[in-house]
Amino acid sequence: MRFPKKLEQGNTVLLVSLSSPLAADQPVEAIAAAVENLGFRVRIGESCRASTPSGYAAAPAEVRANDLNRGFADPSVDAIWCTRGGSTSWQLLPLLDYVCIAAHPKPFIGFSDVTTLHLAIQQRCGFVAFHGPTANRTLGWQDDLFSWRSLRAALEMEECMPVENPAGEDIQVLRPGWACGRLTGGNLSLVTTSLGTPWQIDARNCILFLEDVGEDVYALEEMLWQLKYNGTLDAAVGLVFGAFTGCRNAYRGDYGPLEMVKDFFAGWPKPVLWNVRSAHCSPMVTLPMGTMCAIDGCGKGAMTLRRWK
C-alpha cells in the first residue's frame, strides 16, 4: 500500500463536492479562502458550483466523477479535498478511472460519505487515503487548532505515528489483546452498504475502524450483525470504534452505542478499542486509511500507525 507524496505549503489543493451540496452559509469561496490561509494554493472543481434536480447531490454524477478523475490526472494538482460528506458518492464508483487514479497517487481527504471512495481507492488503486475533516470545517479552525495539527501530522507522517486524541478524550479498551494489520473502514452505514457490491470492503487481516452519526442504537446493532453474518467482522484482526455522535436509544436513554457495543462483543477473542475521535466530532483526528496499524488493548488503549515499506 503506497503512501502519497507529502503535502507541503504552497502546493495546490483541488476542492471537490463529491456527495451533497454545500450549505448556503458555507460558500465554496469562503472555504477556498480558509484553505489558502493554511498556506495552499486552491482550485475549485466544477462540482462545487453545480446543482441537481434532487437537491441532495452536489452535481450530476458525471461532473463529480470528472472532477475526481481530472484531479488525479492533473500533475499540477497536489491533493484533493472533499468540501463535505452527505450522500450519493456511490453514484461515482462505476465512473472512476481507477487505472489513472492508481498511476497518480496523491492525498485524498474527507470522511463520512467519502468512505465509499476511500475504500475504492485503497482496494482498487493501492494507496492510502485520509479519513480526515472535510474542507468546510476549515471555516471554524480558528477555534480548532487540534484538527488542523492532526491532519497535517497525518499528511506529513514519517515512519511511525501514535494516534493521539484531544485532551480529555481517552481511548478505552472494550476487549483486551494486541493486533496489527492494514487500517480500513470508515462510516459504519457506508461500510455496510458496500456489502454485496463489486466495491465491498475487504477486512481480511485488517484493523477495522467504524464510526457513525445520527443513527438509532438498534440500527447500529443491525449493521454490526450484517457485518458479522457477512464474515467481515471475523475477517478483521481487531476493531476500533470512533465517535457515534447523535446516536441514541429512544427506548432506554441509559443504553447507548457504548453499552450496545460492549454487549455485542462480549467474549470476542480479538482486541476492541473505543473512542478514537476520528468521526463526526470536533476536534477530529485524521487517520491515514490503508496504512499499517497496531492496536494495544493489553493496558491503556493505544493505536499506532506505520508507513508501508
C-alpha atoms as a PDB file:
ATOM      1  CA  MET A   1       0.000   0.000   0.000  1.00  0.00           C
ATOM      2  CA  ARG A   2       1.657   3.216  -1.192  1.00  0.00           C
ATOM      3  CA  PHE A   3       1.723   6.420   0.829  1.00  0.00           C
ATOM      4  CA  PRO A   4       1.083   9.588  -1.237  1.00  0.00           C
ATOM      5  CA  LYS A   5       3.683  12.310  -1.529  1.00  0.00           C
ATOM      6  CA  LYS A   6       3.664  14.718   1.412  1.00  0.00           C
ATOM      7  CA  LEU A   7       1.517  17.823   1.009  1.00  0.00           C
ATOM      8  CA  GLU A   8       3.630  20.933   1.556  1.00  0.00           C
ATOM      9  CA  GLN A   9       3.000  24.634   1.965  1.00  0.00           C
ATOM     10  CA  GLY A  10       2.465  26.270  -1.423  1.00  0.00           C
ATOM     11  CA  ASN A  11       1.105  23.073  -3.023  1.00  0.00           C
ATOM     12  CA  THR A  12      -2.154  23.170  -4.978  1.00  0.00           C
ATOM     13  CA  VAL A  13      -5.324  21.686  -3.463  1.00  0.00           C
ATOM     14  CA  LEU A  14      -8.395  20.912  -5.573  1.00  0.00           C
ATOM     15  CA  LEU A  15     -11.722  21.363  -3.769  1.00  0.00           C
ATOM     16  CA  VAL A  16     -14.451  18.955  -4.910  1.00  0.00           C
ATOM     17  CA  SER A  17     -18.047  18.275  -3.850  1.00  0.00           C
ATOM     18  CA  LEU A  18     -18.470  14.560  -4.458  1.00  0.00           C
ATOM     19  CA  SER A  19     -21.510  13.975  -2.275  1.00  0.00           C
ATOM     20  CA  SER A  20     -24.118  16.506  -1.096  1.00  0.00           C
ATOM     21  CA  PRO A  21     -24.054  20.239  -1.895  1.00  0.00           C
ATOM     22  CA  LEU A  22     -22.599  22.811   0.450  1.00  0.00           C
ATOM     23  CA  ALA A  23     -24.908  24.623   2.841  1.00  0.00           C
ATOM     24  CA  ALA A  24     -25.888  28.179   1.941  1.00  0.00           C
ATOM     25  CA  ASP A  25     -23.856  29.548   4.851  1.00  0.00           C
ATOM     26  CA  GLN A  26     -20.723  27.707   3.664  1.00  0.00           C
ATOM     27  CA  PRO A  27     -19.978  29.143   0.211  1.00  0.00           C
ATOM     28  CA  VAL A  28     -17.109  27.479  -1.595  1.00  0.00           C
ATOM     29  CA  GLU A  29     -15.345  30.825  -1.993  1.00  0.00           C
ATOM     30  CA  ALA A  30     -15.147  31.187   1.806  1.00  0.00           C
ATOM     31  CA  ILE A  31     -13.835  27.619   2.122  1.00  0.00           C
ATOM     32  CA  ALA A  32     -11.240  28.304  -0.569  1.00  0.00           C
ATOM     33  CA  ALA A  33     -10.075  31.400   1.312  1.00  0.00           C
ATOM     34  CA  ALA A  34      -9.786  29.404   4.547  1.00  0.00           C
ATOM     35  CA  VAL A  35      -7.710  26.710   2.809  1.00  0.00           C
ATOM     36  CA  GLU A  36      -5.499  29.393   1.273  1.00  0.00           C
ATOM     37  CA  ASN A  37      -4.929  30.767   4.774  1.00  0.00           C
ATOM     38  CA  LEU A  38      -3.458  27.370   5.677  1.00  0.00           C
ATOM     39  CA  GLY A  39      -0.734  28.022   3.113  1.00  0.00           C
ATOM     40  CA  PHE A  40      -2.044  26.265  -0.017  1.00  0.00           C
ATOM     41  CA  ARG A  41      -2.996  27.320  -3.499  1.00  0.00           C
ATOM     42  CA  VAL A  42      -6.600  26.412  -4.260  1.00  0.00           C
ATOM     43  CA  ARG A  43      -8.597  25.371  -7.294  1.00  0.00           C
ATOM     44  CA  ILE A  44     -12.345  24.896  -7.198  1.00  0.00           C
ATOM     45  CA  GLY A  45     -13.860  21.936  -9.019  1.00  0.00           C
ATOM     46  CA  GLU A  46     -16.907  22.241 -11.234  1.00  0.00           C
ATOM     47  CA  SER A  47     -18.831  20.025  -8.800  1.00  0.00           C
ATOM     48  CA  CYS A  48     -18.688  22.784  -6.177  1.00  0.00           C
ATOM     49  CA  ARG A  49     -20.763  25.180  -8.311  1.00  0.00           C
ATOM     50  CA  ALA A  50     -23.278  22.836  -9.904  1.00  0.00           C
ATOM     51  CA  SER A  51     -26.716  21.581  -8.861  1.00  0.00           C
ATOM     52  CA  THR A  52     -29.122  18.706  -9.487  1.00  0.00           C
ATOM     53  CA  PRO A  53     -32.926  18.313  -9.610  1.00  0.00           C
ATOM     54  CA  SER A  54     -32.825  16.100  -6.496  1.00  0.00           C
ATOM     55  CA  GLY A  55     -31.131  18.740  -4.365  1.00  0.00           C
ATOM     56  CA  TYR A  56     -29.250  16.094  -2.376  1.00  0.00           C
ATOM     57  CA  ALA A  57     -26.419  15.574  -4.881  1.00  0.00           C
ATOM     58  CA  ALA A  58     -23.944  18.407  -5.354  1.00  0.00           C
ATOM     59  CA  ALA A  59     -23.710  17.861  -9.120  1.00  0.00           C
ATOM     60  CA  PRO A  60     -24.567  15.239 -11.743  1.00  0.00           C
ATOM     61  CA  ALA A  61     -22.567  12.058 -11.171  1.00  0.00           C
ATOM     62  CA  GLU A  62     -20.580  12.572 -14.383  1.00  0.00           C
ATOM     63  CA  VAL A  63     -19.491  16.051 -13.280  1.00  0.00           C
ATOM     64  CA  ARG A  64     -18.383  14.821  -9.869  1.00  0.00           C
ATOM     65  CA  ALA A  65     -16.544  11.818 -11.305  1.00  0.00           C
ATOM     66  CA  ASN A  66     -14.814  14.012 -13.888  1.00  0.00           C
ATOM     67  CA  ASP A  67     -13.619  16.341 -11.141  1.00  0.00           C
ATOM     68  CA  LEU A  68     -12.043  13.404  -9.328  1.00  0.00           C
ATOM     69  CA  ASN A  69     -10.562  11.756 -12.433  1.00  0.00           C
ATOM     70  CA  ARG A  70      -9.090  15.033 -13.710  1.00  0.00           C
ATOM     71  CA  GLY A  71      -7.809  15.946 -10.272  1.00  0.00           C
ATOM     72  CA  PHE A  72      -5.748  12.783 -10.067  1.00  0.00           C
ATOM     73  CA  ALA A  73      -4.596  13.018 -13.685  1.00  0.00           C
ATOM     74  CA  ASP A  74      -3.527  16.680 -13.472  1.00  0.00           C
ATOM     75  CA  PRO A  75       0.151  16.899 -12.405  1.00  0.00           C
ATOM     76  CA  SER A  76      -0.360  20.476 -11.197  1.00  0.00           C
ATOM     77  CA  VAL A  77      -2.839  19.297  -8.533  1.00  0.00           C
ATOM     78  CA  ASP A  78      -1.091  18.037  -5.392  1.00  0.00           C
ATOM     79  CA  ALA A  79      -4.082  16.999  -3.268  1.00  0.00           C
ATOM     80  CA  ILE A  80      -7.858  16.613  -3.498  1.00  0.00           C
ATOM     81  CA  TRP A  81     -10.010  17.742  -0.598  1.00  0.00           C
ATOM     82  CA  CYS A  82     -13.737  16.992  -0.358  1.00  0.00           C
ATOM     83  CA  THR A  83     -15.772  20.005   0.738  1.00  0.00           C
ATOM     84  CA  ARG A  84     -18.297  17.908   2.699  1.00  0.00           C
ATOM     85  CA  GLY A  85     -19.925  14.474   3.030  1.00  0.00           C
ATOM     86  CA  GLY A  86     -23.631  13.750   2.896  1.00  0.00           C
ATOM     87  CA  SER A  87     -24.828  11.167   0.380  1.00  0.00           C
ATOM     88  CA  THR A  88     -24.645   9.913  -3.243  1.00  0.00           C
ATOM     89  CA  SER A  89     -20.921   9.107  -3.513  1.00  0.00           C
ATOM     90  CA  TRP A  90     -21.973   5.588  -4.569  1.00  0.00           C
ATOM     91  CA  GLN A  91     -23.080   7.035  -7.908  1.00  0.00           C
ATOM     92  CA  LEU A  92     -19.451   7.731  -8.835  1.00  0.00           C
ATOM     93  CA  LEU A  93     -17.925   4.280  -8.430  1.00  0.00           C
ATOM     94  CA  PRO A  94     -18.540   2.896 -11.955  1.00  0.00           C
ATOM     95  CA  LEU A  95     -17.447   6.226 -13.484  1.00  0.00           C
ATOM     96  CA  LEU A  96     -13.973   6.448 -11.980  1.00  0.00           C
ATOM     97  CA  ASP A  97     -10.782   5.799 -13.945  1.00  0.00           C
ATOM     98  CA  TYR A  98      -9.074   3.504 -11.457  1.00  0.00           C
ATOM     99  CA  VAL A  99      -6.060   2.923 -13.709  1.00  0.00           C
ATOM    100  CA  CYS A 100      -5.389   6.656 -13.926  1.00  0.00           C
ATOM    101  CA  ILE A 101      -6.000   7.207 -10.210  1.00  0.00           C
ATOM    102  CA  ALA A 102      -3.657   4.335  -9.314  1.00  0.00           C
ATOM    103  CA  ALA A 103      -0.949   5.828 -11.521  1.00  0.00           C
ATOM    104  CA  HIS A 104      -1.097   9.226  -9.779  1.00  0.00           C
ATOM    105  CA  PRO A 105      -1.372   8.738  -6.001  1.00  0.00           C
ATOM    106  CA  LYS A 106      -1.906  11.961  -4.085  1.00  0.00           C
ATOM    107  CA  PRO A 107      -3.574  12.933  -0.796  1.00  0.00           C
ATOM    108  CA  PHE A 108      -7.359  12.489  -0.934  1.00  0.00           C
ATOM    109  CA  ILE A 109      -9.091  13.882   2.154  1.00  0.00           C
ATOM    110  CA  GLY A 110     -12.604  13.519   3.569  1.00  0.00           C
ATOM    111  CA  PHE A 111     -14.836  11.315   5.702  1.00  0.00           C
ATOM    112  CA  SER A 112     -18.444  10.226   6.228  1.00  0.00           C
ATOM    113  CA  ASP A 113     -19.952   9.628   2.754  1.00  0.00           C
ATOM    114  CA  VAL A 114     -16.396   9.792   1.363  1.00  0.00           C
ATOM    115  CA  THR A 115     -15.860   6.366   2.999  1.00  0.00           C
ATOM    116  CA  THR A 116     -17.178   4.835  -0.228  1.00  0.00           C
ATOM    117  CA  LEU A 117     -14.407   6.464  -2.262  1.00  0.00           C
ATOM    118  CA  HIS A 118     -11.736   5.746   0.353  1.00  0.00           C
ATOM    119  CA  LEU A 119     -12.486   2.032   0.150  1.00  0.00           C
ATOM    120  CA  ALA A 120     -12.384   2.063  -3.654  1.00  0.00           C
ATOM    121  CA  ILE A 121      -9.068   3.930  -3.734  1.00  0.00           C
ATOM    122  CA  GLN A 122      -7.432   1.669  -1.150  1.00  0.00           C
ATOM    123  CA  GLN A 123      -8.643  -1.596  -2.659  1.00  0.00           C
ATOM    124  CA  ARG A 124      -8.501  -0.800  -6.387  1.00  0.00           C
ATOM    125  CA  CYS A 125      -5.719   1.769  -6.572  1.00  0.00           C
ATOM    126  CA  GLY A 126      -3.416   0.627  -3.782  1.00  0.00           C
ATOM    127  CA  PHE A 127      -2.640   3.815  -1.893  1.00  0.00           C
ATOM    128  CA  VAL A 128      -3.506   5.456   1.406  1.00  0.00           C
ATOM    129  CA  ALA A 129      -6.460   7.874   1.658  1.00  0.00           C
ATOM    130  CA  PHE A 130      -7.037  10.260   4.560  1.00  0.00           C
ATOM    131  CA  HIS A 131     -10.080   9.890   6.828  1.00  0.00           C
ATOM    132  CA  GLY A 132      -9.997  13.479   7.974  1.00  0.00           C
ATOM    133  CA  PRO A 133     -12.065  16.655   8.175  1.00  0.00           C
ATOM    134  CA  THR A 134     -13.861  17.892   5.091  1.00  0.00           C
ATOM    135  CA  ALA A 135     -12.775  21.274   3.787  1.00  0.00           C
ATOM    136  CA  ASN A 136     -15.906  23.075   5.027  1.00  0.00           C
ATOM    137  CA  ARG A 137     -14.628  22.516   8.553  1.00  0.00           C
ATOM    138  CA  THR A 138     -11.732  24.897   7.916  1.00  0.00           C
ATOM    139  CA  LEU A 139     -14.241  27.739   8.373  1.00  0.00           C
ATOM    140  CA  GLY A 140     -14.120  27.123  12.130  1.00  0.00           C
ATOM    141  CA  TRP A 141     -10.483  26.247  12.562  1.00  0.00           C
ATOM    142  CA  GLN A 142      -9.579  29.475  14.296  1.00  0.00           C
ATOM    143  CA  ASP A 143     -11.126  27.722  17.321  1.00  0.00           C
ATOM    144  CA  ASP A 144      -9.904  24.196  16.477  1.00  0.00           C
ATOM    145  CA  LEU A 145      -6.154  24.003  16.060  1.00  0.00           C
ATOM    146  CA  PHE A 146      -6.165  20.327  17.054  1.00  0.00           C
ATOM    147  CA  SER A 147      -7.955  19.179  13.879  1.00  0.00           C
ATOM    148  CA  TRP A 148      -5.534  21.057  11.613  1.00  0.00           C
ATOM    149  CA  ARG A 149      -2.487  19.772  13.506  1.00  0.00           C
ATOM    150  CA  SER A 150      -3.789  16.196  13.338  1.00  0.00           C
ATOM    151  CA  LEU A 151      -4.450  16.447   9.600  1.00  0.00           C
ATOM    152  CA  ARG A 152      -1.033  17.964   8.973  1.00  0.00           C
ATOM    153  CA  ALA A 153       0.661  15.256  11.066  1.00  0.00           C
ATOM    154  CA  ALA A 154      -1.063  12.542   9.023  1.00  0.00           C
ATOM    155  CA  LEU A 155      -0.198  14.186   5.699  1.00  0.00           C
ATOM    156  CA  GLU A 156       3.433  14.570   6.793  1.00  0.00           C
ATOM    157  CA  MET A 157       3.638  11.198   8.526  1.00  0.00           C
ATOM    158  CA  GLU A 158       7.091   9.736   8.843  1.00  0.00           C
ATOM    159  CA  GLU A 159       7.762   6.057   9.529  1.00  0.00           C
ATOM    160  CA  CYS A 160       5.632   5.788  12.683  1.00  0.00           C
ATOM    161  CA  MET A 161       2.910   7.899  14.339  1.00  0.00           C
ATOM    162  CA  PRO A 162       0.888   7.304  17.529  1.00  0.00           C
ATOM    163  CA  VAL A 163      -2.789   8.232  17.323  1.00  0.00           C
ATOM    164  CA  GLU A 164      -3.488  10.983  19.844  1.00  0.00           C
ATOM    165  CA  ASN A 165      -6.971  12.037  20.910  1.00  0.00           C
ATOM    166  CA  PRO A 166      -7.857  15.563  22.010  1.00  0.00           C
ATOM    167  CA  ALA A 167      -7.193  16.313  25.672  1.00  0.00           C
ATOM    168  CA  GLY A 168      -9.718  14.675  27.990  1.00  0.00           C
ATOM    169  CA  GLU A 169     -10.788  12.018  25.467  1.00  0.00           C
ATOM    170  CA  ASP A 170      -9.250   8.695  26.453  1.00  0.00           C
ATOM    171  CA  ILE A 171      -9.164   5.668  24.172  1.00  0.00           C
ATOM    172  CA  GLN A 172     -10.984   2.865  26.005  1.00  0.00           C
ATOM    173  CA  VAL A 173     -10.317  -0.883  25.891  1.00  0.00           C
ATOM    174  CA  LEU A 174     -13.513  -2.911  25.441  1.00  0.00           C
ATOM    175  CA  ARG A 175     -11.796  -6.220  24.634  1.00  0.00           C
ATOM    176  CA  PRO A 176      -8.154  -6.916  25.547  1.00  0.00           C
ATOM    177  CA  GLY A 177      -5.398  -8.023  23.220  1.00  0.00           C
ATOM    178  CA  TRP A 178      -2.893  -6.791  20.643  1.00  0.00           C
ATOM    179  CA  ALA A 179      -3.266  -6.841  16.867  1.00  0.00           C
ATOM    180  CA  CYS A 180      -1.600  -5.429  13.762  1.00  0.00           C
ATOM    181  CA  GLY A 181      -2.934  -5.074  10.233  1.00  0.00           C
ATOM    182  CA  ARG A 182      -3.888  -2.670   7.489  1.00  0.00           C
ATOM    183  CA  LEU A 183      -6.282   0.050   8.683  1.00  0.00           C
ATOM    184  CA  THR A 184      -9.589   0.132   6.796  1.00  0.00           C
ATOM    185  CA  GLY A 185     -13.221   1.106   7.312  1.00  0.00           C
ATOM    186  CA  GLY A 186     -14.884   4.447   7.988  1.00  0.00           C
ATOM    187  CA  ASN A 187     -18.552   5.271   8.349  1.00  0.00           C
ATOM    188  CA  LEU A 188     -20.470   2.190   9.530  1.00  0.00           C
ATOM    189  CA  SER A 189     -23.509   2.862   7.335  1.00  0.00           C
ATOM    190  CA  LEU A 190     -21.364   3.172   4.206  1.00  0.00           C
ATOM    191  CA  VAL A 191     -19.222   0.151   5.082  1.00  0.00           C
ATOM    192  CA  THR A 192     -22.393  -1.913   5.481  1.00  0.00           C
ATOM    193  CA  THR A 193     -23.846  -0.572   2.238  1.00  0.00           C
ATOM    194  CA  SER A 194     -20.762  -1.840   0.400  1.00  0.00           C
ATOM    195  CA  LEU A 195     -21.606  -5.468   1.168  1.00  0.00           C
ATOM    196  CA  GLY A 196     -22.664  -7.485  -1.865  1.00  0.00           C
ATOM    197  CA  THR A 197     -21.343  -4.906  -4.352  1.00  0.00           C
ATOM    198  CA  PRO A 198     -18.203  -5.002  -6.529  1.00  0.00           C
ATOM    199  CA  TRP A 199     -16.749  -2.438  -4.102  1.00  0.00           C
ATOM    200  CA  GLN A 200     -17.361  -4.478  -0.944  1.00  0.00           C
ATOM    201  CA  ILE A 201     -14.974  -3.819   1.925  1.00  0.00           C
ATOM    202  CA  ASP A 202     -12.172  -6.355   2.301  1.00  0.00           C
ATOM    203  CA  ALA A 203     -11.316  -6.550   6.010  1.00  0.00           C
ATOM    204  CA  ARG A 204      -9.160  -9.672   5.869  1.00  0.00           C
ATOM    205  CA  ASN A 205      -6.237  -9.311   8.299  1.00  0.00           C
ATOM    206  CA  CYS A 206      -7.177  -5.662   8.834  1.00  0.00           C
ATOM    207  CA  ILE A 207      -7.864  -3.355  11.738  1.00  0.00           C
ATOM    208  CA  LEU A 208     -11.466  -2.291  11.102  1.00  0.00           C
ATOM    209  CA  PHE A 209     -12.399   1.270  12.073  1.00  0.00           C
ATOM    210  CA  LEU A 210     -16.081   2.230  12.385  1.00  0.00           C
ATOM    211  CA  GLU A 211     -17.948   5.432  13.267  1.00  0.00           C
ATOM    212  CA  ASP A 212     -21.378   6.924  12.567  1.00  0.00           C
ATOM    213  CA  VAL A 213     -23.730   9.819  13.230  1.00  0.00           C
ATOM    214  CA  GLY A 214     -27.419  10.270  13.947  1.00  0.00           C
ATOM    215  CA  GLU A 215     -28.383   6.583  13.873  1.00  0.00           C
ATOM    216  CA  ASP A 216     -30.649   4.783  16.332  1.00  0.00           C
ATOM    217  CA  VAL A 217     -28.753   2.345  18.519  1.00  0.00           C
ATOM    218  CA  TYR A 218     -30.828  -0.583  17.262  1.00  0.00           C
ATOM    219  CA  ALA A 219     -29.875   0.348  13.683  1.00  0.00           C
ATOM    220  CA  LEU A 220     -26.186   0.353  14.647  1.00  0.00           C
ATOM    221  CA  GLU A 221     -26.593  -3.123  16.115  1.00  0.00           C
ATOM    222  CA  GLU A 222     -28.372  -4.345  12.982  1.00  0.00           C
ATOM    223  CA  MET A 223     -25.448  -3.123  10.865  1.00  0.00           C
ATOM    224  CA  LEU A 224     -22.960  -4.911  13.108  1.00  0.00           C
ATOM    225  CA  TRP A 225     -24.967  -8.123  12.750  1.00  0.00           C
ATOM    226  CA  GLN A 226     -24.871  -7.704   8.974  1.00  0.00           C
ATOM    227  CA  LEU A 227     -21.084  -7.351   9.104  1.00  0.00           C
ATOM    228  CA  LYS A 228     -20.972 -10.376  11.399  1.00  0.00           C
ATOM    229  CA  TYR A 229     -23.115 -12.616   9.198  1.00  0.00           C
ATOM    230  CA  ASN A 230     -21.230 -11.484   6.095  1.00  0.00           C
ATOM    231  CA  GLY A 231     -17.908 -12.506   7.662  1.00  0.00           C
ATOM    232  CA  THR A 232     -16.393  -9.020   7.682  1.00  0.00           C
ATOM    233  CA  LEU A 233     -16.063  -8.761  11.472  1.00  0.00           C
ATOM    234  CA  ASP A 234     -14.478 -12.180  11.811  1.00  0.00           C
ATOM    235  CA  ALA A 235     -12.078 -11.414   8.952  1.00  0.00           C
ATOM    236  CA  ALA A 236     -10.670  -8.409  10.828  1.00  0.00           C
ATOM    237  CA  VAL A 237      -7.893  -8.916  13.390  1.00  0.00           C
ATOM    238  CA  GLY A 238      -9.146  -6.111  15.619  1.00  0.00           C
ATOM    239  CA  LEU A 239     -11.712  -3.325  15.835  1.00  0.00           C
ATOM    240  CA  VAL A 240     -11.519   0.380  16.595  1.00  0.00           C
ATOM    241  CA  PHE A 241     -14.650   2.452  17.169  1.00  0.00           C
ATOM    242  CA  GLY A 242     -14.745   6.199  16.709  1.00  0.00           C
ATOM    243  CA  ALA A 243     -17.408   8.603  17.938  1.00  0.00           C
ATOM    244  CA  PHE A 244     -21.110   7.923  17.441  1.00  0.00           C
ATOM    245  CA  THR A 245     -22.368  11.485  17.588  1.00  0.00           C
ATOM    246  CA  GLY A 246     -26.114  11.868  17.998  1.00  0.00           C
ATOM    247  CA  CYS A 247     -26.729   8.095  18.079  1.00  0.00           C
ATOM    248  CA  ARG A 248     -29.414   7.487  20.705  1.00  0.00           C
ATOM    249  CA  ASN A 249     -31.751   4.850  22.035  1.00  0.00           C
ATOM    250  CA  ALA A 250     -35.356   6.072  22.108  1.00  0.00           C
ATOM    251  CA  TYR A 251     -36.339   3.093  24.257  1.00  0.00           C
ATOM    252  CA  ARG A 252     -33.727   3.385  27.016  1.00  0.00           C
ATOM    253  CA  GLY A 253     -31.662   6.502  27.392  1.00  0.00           C
ATOM    254  CA  ASP A 254     -29.076   4.735  29.555  1.00  0.00           C
ATOM    255  CA  TYR A 255     -28.288   2.120  26.874  1.00  0.00           C
ATOM    256  CA  GLY A 256     -26.364   3.914  24.171  1.00  0.00           C
ATOM    257  CA  PRO A 257     -23.844   2.926  21.486  1.00  0.00           C
ATOM    258  CA  LEU A 258     -21.108   2.130  24.033  1.00  0.00           C
ATOM    259  CA  GLU A 259     -23.313  -0.233  26.034  1.00  0.00           C
ATOM    260  CA  MET A 260     -24.544  -1.946  22.871  1.00  0.00           C
ATOM    261  CA  VAL A 261     -21.001  -2.470  21.538  1.00  0.00           C
ATOM    262  CA  LYS A 262     -19.841  -3.826  24.902  1.00  0.00           C
ATOM    263  CA  ASP A 263     -22.650  -6.396  24.863  1.00  0.00           C
ATOM    264  CA  PHE A 264     -22.213  -7.233  21.180  1.00  0.00           C
ATOM    265  CA  PHE A 265     -18.516  -8.054  21.562  1.00  0.00           C
ATOM    266  CA  ALA A 266     -18.684  -9.699  24.989  1.00  0.00           C
ATOM    267  CA  GLY A 267     -16.335 -12.690  24.862  1.00  0.00           C
ATOM    268  CA  TRP A 268     -14.930 -11.724  21.452  1.00  0.00           C
ATOM    269  CA  PRO A 269     -11.345 -13.049  21.235  1.00  0.00           C
ATOM    270  CA  LYS A 270      -9.844 -10.010  19.462  1.00  0.00           C
ATOM    271  CA  PRO A 271      -8.990  -6.515  20.724  1.00  0.00           C
ATOM    272  CA  VAL A 272     -11.641  -3.792  20.546  1.00  0.00           C
ATOM    273  CA  LEU A 273     -10.900  -0.117  21.233  1.00  0.00           C
ATOM    274  CA  TRP A 274     -13.458   2.651  21.706  1.00  0.00           C
ATOM    275  CA  ASN A 275     -13.468   6.445  21.303  1.00  0.00           C
ATOM    276  CA  VAL A 276     -10.788   7.221  18.728  1.00  0.00           C
ATOM    277  CA  ARG A 277     -12.001  10.701  17.818  1.00  0.00           C
ATOM    278  CA  SER A 278     -11.927  10.406  14.031  1.00  0.00           C
ATOM    279  CA  ALA A 279     -15.591  10.932  13.281  1.00  0.00           C
ATOM    280  CA  HIS A 280     -18.456  13.421  13.240  1.00  0.00           C
ATOM    281  CA  CYS A 281     -16.959  15.341  16.134  1.00  0.00           C
ATOM    282  CA  SER A 282     -14.820  18.372  16.772  1.00  0.00           C
ATOM    283  CA  PRO A 283     -11.890  18.309  17.300  1.00  0.00           C
ATOM    284  CA  MET A 284     -11.220  15.445  14.886  1.00  0.00           C
ATOM    285  CA  VAL A 285      -8.312  13.030  14.496  1.00  0.00           C
ATOM    286  CA  THR A 286      -7.142  12.263  10.940  1.00  0.00           C
ATOM    287  CA  LEU A 287      -6.427   8.609  10.127  1.00  0.00           C
ATOM    288  CA  PRO A 288      -4.437   7.528   7.039  1.00  0.00           C
ATOM    289  CA  MET A 289      -6.656   4.658   5.876  1.00  0.00           C
ATOM    290  CA  GLY A 290      -4.711   1.811   4.311  1.00  0.00           C
ATOM    291  CA  THR A 291      -1.556   2.274   6.357  1.00  0.00           C
ATOM    292  CA  MET A 292      -0.339  -0.349   8.816  1.00  0.00           C
ATOM    293  CA  CYS A 293      -1.906  -0.088  12.256  1.00  0.00           C
ATOM    294  CA  ALA A 294      -1.192  -1.692  15.620  1.00  0.00           C
ATOM    295  CA  ILE A 295      -3.722  -1.562  18.448  1.00  0.00           C
ATOM    296  CA  ASP A 296      -2.805  -2.350  22.040  1.00  0.00           C
ATOM    297  CA  GLY A 297      -5.603  -3.341  24.384  1.00  0.00           C
ATOM    298  CA  CYS A 298      -3.388  -5.008  26.944  1.00  0.00           C
ATOM    299  CA  GLY A 299      -3.232  -1.960  29.190  1.00  0.00           C
ATOM    300  CA  LYS A 300      -4.312   1.573  28.458  1.00  0.00           C
ATOM    301  CA  GLY A 301      -5.756   1.636  24.932  1.00  0.00           C
ATOM    302  CA  ALA A 302      -3.264   2.713  22.273  1.00  0.00           C
ATOM    303  CA  MET A 303      -3.169   2.894  18.491  1.00  0.00           C
ATOM    304  CA  THR A 304      -0.026   3.326  16.383  1.00  0.00           C
ATOM    305  CA  LEU A 305       0.275   3.853  12.626  1.00  0.00           C
ATOM    306  CA  ARG A 306       3.239   2.855  10.481  1.00  0.00           C
ATOM    307  CA  ARG A 307       4.069   3.553   6.839  1.00  0.00           C
ATOM    308  CA  TRP A 308       4.403   0.609   4.481  1.00  0.00           C
ATOM    309  CA  LYS A 309       7.954  -0.150   3.431  1.00  0.00           C
END
